[in-house]
Amino acid sequence: MSGVSKAQKEAVYRYVQKSYDRVVLTLAKGERDKLKGVAAAAGESVNGYIKRAIEERMQREGKG
């Protein structure tokens, strides 16, 4: 966030903390780079790619 004031950064941080849950994902060495490539090829961010994959699986299993 270059060009953004410290107050703006803090406001965004507070908003994210209040509005979102976070999940830590641990991958084997090299898997992150593969995931980045696959997500980019699909035209998505890594976060968006993972979220979509989870949502699709939950729907298939009738849990979404």
N, C-alpha and C. Protein backbone atom coordinates (compact mmCIF):
# COMPACT_ATOMS: atom_id res chain seq x y z
N MET A 1 0.83 -1.19 0.00
CA MET A 1 0.00 0.00 0.00
C MET A 1 0.88 1.25 0.00
N SER A 2 1.66 1.43 -0.99
CA SER A 2 2.50 2.61 -1.05
C SER A 2 1.63 3.84 -1.27
N GLY A 3 2.04 4.96 -0.69
CA GLY A 3 1.28 6.18 -0.83
C GLY A 3 0.07 6.26 0.08
N VAL A 4 -0.05 5.29 0.96
CA VAL A 4 -1.18 5.26 1.88
C VAL A 4 -0.67 5.65 3.26
N SER A 5 -1.44 6.47 3.94
CA SER A 5 -1.00 6.93 5.26
C SER A 5 -1.06 5.80 6.28
N LYS A 6 -0.33 5.99 7.36
CA LYS A 6 -0.32 5.01 8.44
C LYS A 6 -1.73 4.83 9.00
N ALA A 7 -2.48 5.91 9.14
CA ALA A 7 -3.85 5.84 9.65
C ALA A 7 -4.74 5.01 8.73
N GLN A 8 -4.57 5.19 7.41
CA GLN A 8 -5.36 4.40 6.46
C GLN A 8 -5.02 2.92 6.55
N LYS A 9 -3.73 2.61 6.67
CA LYS A 9 -3.30 1.22 6.81
C LYS A 9 -3.90 0.60 8.05
N GLU A 10 -3.88 1.33 9.14
CA GLU A 10 -4.43 0.83 10.39
C GLU A 10 -5.94 0.62 10.29
N ALA A 11 -6.62 1.53 9.60
CA ALA A 11 -8.07 1.39 9.42
C ALA A 11 -8.38 0.13 8.60
N VAL A 12 -7.61 -0.10 7.54
CA VAL A 12 -7.82 -1.30 6.73
C VAL A 12 -7.56 -2.55 7.57
N TYR A 13 -6.50 -2.54 8.36
CA TYR A 13 -6.16 -3.68 9.21
C TYR A 13 -7.30 -3.98 10.18
N ARG A 14 -7.83 -2.94 10.81
CA ARG A 14 -8.95 -3.13 11.76
C ARG A 14 -10.17 -3.69 11.05
N TYR A 15 -10.45 -3.19 9.85
CA TYR A 15 -11.59 -3.68 9.08
C TYR A 15 -11.42 -5.17 8.75
N VAL A 16 -10.24 -5.54 8.29
CA VAL A 16 -9.97 -6.93 7.94
C VAL A 16 -10.10 -7.82 9.18
N GLN A 17 -9.55 -7.39 10.29
CA GLN A 17 -9.63 -8.17 11.54
C GLN A 17 -11.07 -8.38 11.96
N LYS A 18 -11.90 -7.37 11.78
CA LYS A 18 -13.30 -7.43 12.20
C LYS A 18 -14.15 -8.23 11.22
N SER A 19 -13.81 -8.20 9.95
CA SER A 19 -14.70 -8.72 8.92
C SER A 19 -14.35 -10.08 8.35
N TYR A 20 -13.13 -10.56 8.59
CA TYR A 20 -12.68 -11.79 7.95
C TYR A 20 -12.07 -12.76 8.95
N ASP A 21 -12.24 -14.05 8.67
CA ASP A 21 -11.52 -15.09 9.39
C ASP A 21 -10.30 -15.44 8.55
N ARG A 22 -9.24 -15.86 9.22
CA ARG A 22 -8.02 -16.24 8.50
C ARG A 22 -7.73 -17.72 8.77
N VAL A 23 -7.18 -18.38 7.76
CA VAL A 23 -6.79 -19.78 7.86
C VAL A 23 -5.35 -19.87 7.37
N VAL A 24 -4.52 -20.56 8.11
CA VAL A 24 -3.12 -20.76 7.71
C VAL A 24 -3.04 -22.08 6.94
N LEU A 25 -2.40 -22.04 5.80
CA LEU A 25 -2.23 -23.22 4.96
C LEU A 25 -0.75 -23.54 4.88
N THR A 26 -0.38 -24.76 5.23
CA THR A 26 1.00 -25.19 5.18
C THR A 26 1.17 -26.14 3.99
N LEU A 27 2.14 -25.82 3.14
CA LEU A 27 2.39 -26.62 1.94
C LEU A 27 3.83 -27.12 1.94
N ALA A 28 4.06 -28.22 1.27
CA ALA A 28 5.42 -28.73 1.09
C ALA A 28 6.21 -27.75 0.23
N LYS A 29 7.52 -27.73 0.41
CA LYS A 29 8.39 -26.86 -0.38
C LYS A 29 8.08 -27.03 -1.87
N GLY A 30 7.95 -25.92 -2.57
CA GLY A 30 7.70 -25.95 -4.00
C GLY A 30 6.23 -25.94 -4.37
N GLU A 31 5.37 -26.38 -3.46
CA GLU A 31 3.93 -26.43 -3.76
C GLU A 31 3.34 -25.04 -3.90
N ARG A 32 3.82 -24.08 -3.14
CA ARG A 32 3.30 -22.71 -3.23
C ARG A 32 3.51 -22.14 -4.63
N ASP A 33 4.70 -22.36 -5.17
CA ASP A 33 4.98 -21.85 -6.52
C ASP A 33 4.10 -22.53 -7.56
N LYS A 34 3.86 -23.82 -7.41
CA LYS A 34 2.96 -24.52 -8.33
C LYS A 34 1.55 -23.95 -8.22
N LEU A 35 1.11 -23.72 -6.99
CA LEU A 35 -0.23 -23.18 -6.76
C LEU A 35 -0.36 -21.79 -7.37
N LYS A 36 0.66 -20.96 -7.21
CA LYS A 36 0.65 -19.62 -7.81
C LYS A 36 0.50 -19.71 -9.32
N GLY A 37 1.23 -20.62 -9.94
CA GLY A 37 1.17 -20.78 -11.38
C GLY A 37 -0.19 -21.26 -11.86
N VAL A 38 -0.76 -22.21 -11.16
CA VAL A 38 -2.07 -22.75 -11.54
C VAL A 38 -3.14 -21.67 -11.37
N ALA A 39 -3.07 -20.94 -10.27
CA ALA A 39 -4.05 -19.87 -10.03
C ALA A 39 -3.93 -18.79 -11.09
N ALA A 40 -2.71 -18.40 -11.42
CA ALA A 40 -2.49 -17.37 -12.43
C ALA A 40 -3.02 -17.82 -13.79
N ALA A 41 -2.78 -19.09 -14.13
CA ALA A 41 -3.27 -19.62 -15.40
C ALA A 41 -4.79 -19.61 -15.46
N ALA A 42 -5.42 -19.73 -14.29
CA ALA A 42 -6.89 -19.69 -14.23
C ALA A 42 -7.40 -18.25 -14.14
N GLY A 43 -6.47 -17.28 -14.09
CA GLY A 43 -6.86 -15.88 -14.01
C GLY A 43 -7.33 -15.47 -12.64
N GLU A 44 -6.84 -16.17 -11.60
CA GLU A 44 -7.28 -15.90 -10.23
C GLU A 44 -6.09 -15.65 -9.32
N SER A 45 -6.37 -15.03 -8.20
CA SER A 45 -5.36 -14.92 -7.15
C SER A 45 -5.28 -16.29 -6.46
N VAL A 46 -4.22 -16.51 -5.71
CA VAL A 46 -4.09 -17.76 -4.96
C VAL A 46 -5.26 -17.88 -3.99
N ASN A 47 -5.57 -16.80 -3.29
CA ASN A 47 -6.67 -16.83 -2.32
C ASN A 47 -7.99 -17.16 -3.02
N GLY A 48 -8.27 -16.52 -4.13
CA GLY A 48 -9.50 -16.78 -4.86
C GLY A 48 -9.58 -18.20 -5.38
N TYR A 49 -8.44 -18.71 -5.85
CA TYR A 49 -8.39 -20.08 -6.36
C TYR A 49 -8.70 -21.09 -5.26
N ILE A 50 -8.09 -20.90 -4.10
CA ILE A 50 -8.32 -21.80 -2.97
C ILE A 50 -9.76 -21.71 -2.49
N LYS A 51 -10.28 -20.48 -2.37
CA LYS A 51 -11.67 -20.31 -1.93
C LYS A 51 -12.64 -21.01 -2.88
N ARG A 52 -12.42 -20.83 -4.19
CA ARG A 52 -13.31 -21.46 -5.17
C ARG A 52 -13.23 -22.98 -5.08
N ALA A 53 -12.02 -23.50 -4.92
CA ALA A 53 -11.86 -24.96 -4.82
C ALA A 53 -12.60 -25.50 -3.60
N ILE A 54 -12.49 -24.80 -2.49
CA ILE A 54 -13.18 -25.23 -1.26
C ILE A 54 -14.69 -25.16 -1.45
N GLU A 55 -15.18 -24.05 -2.02
CA GLU A 55 -16.62 -23.90 -2.23
C GLU A 55 -17.16 -24.99 -3.15
N GLU A 56 -16.43 -25.29 -4.23
CA GLU A 56 -16.87 -26.33 -5.16
C GLU A 56 -16.93 -27.69 -4.47
N ARG A 57 -15.94 -27.98 -3.66
CA ARG A 57 -15.93 -29.27 -2.96
C ARG A 57 -17.07 -29.36 -1.96
N MET A 58 -17.31 -28.28 -1.23
CA MET A 58 -18.41 -28.27 -0.27
C MET A 58 -19.76 -28.48 -0.97
N GLN A 59 -19.93 -27.86 -2.14
CA GLN A 59 -21.17 -28.04 -2.89
C GLN A 59 -21.33 -29.47 -3.36
N ARG A 60 -20.24 -30.06 -3.89
CA ARG A 60 -20.30 -31.46 -4.34
C ARG A 60 -20.68 -32.39 -3.20
N GLU A 61 -20.19 -32.09 -2.01
CA GLU A 61 -20.47 -32.94 -0.84
C GLU A 61 -21.77 -32.56 -0.15
N GLY A 62 -22.48 -31.58 -0.69
CA GLY A 62 -23.75 -31.18 -0.11
C GLY A 62 -23.60 -30.46 1.22
N LYS A 63 -22.47 -29.80 1.42
CA LYS A 63 -22.21 -29.15 2.70
C LYS A 63 -22.07 -27.64 2.53
N GLY A 64 -22.36 -27.14 1.36
CA GLY A 64 -22.20 -25.71 1.12
C GLY A 64 -23.50 -25.08 0.99
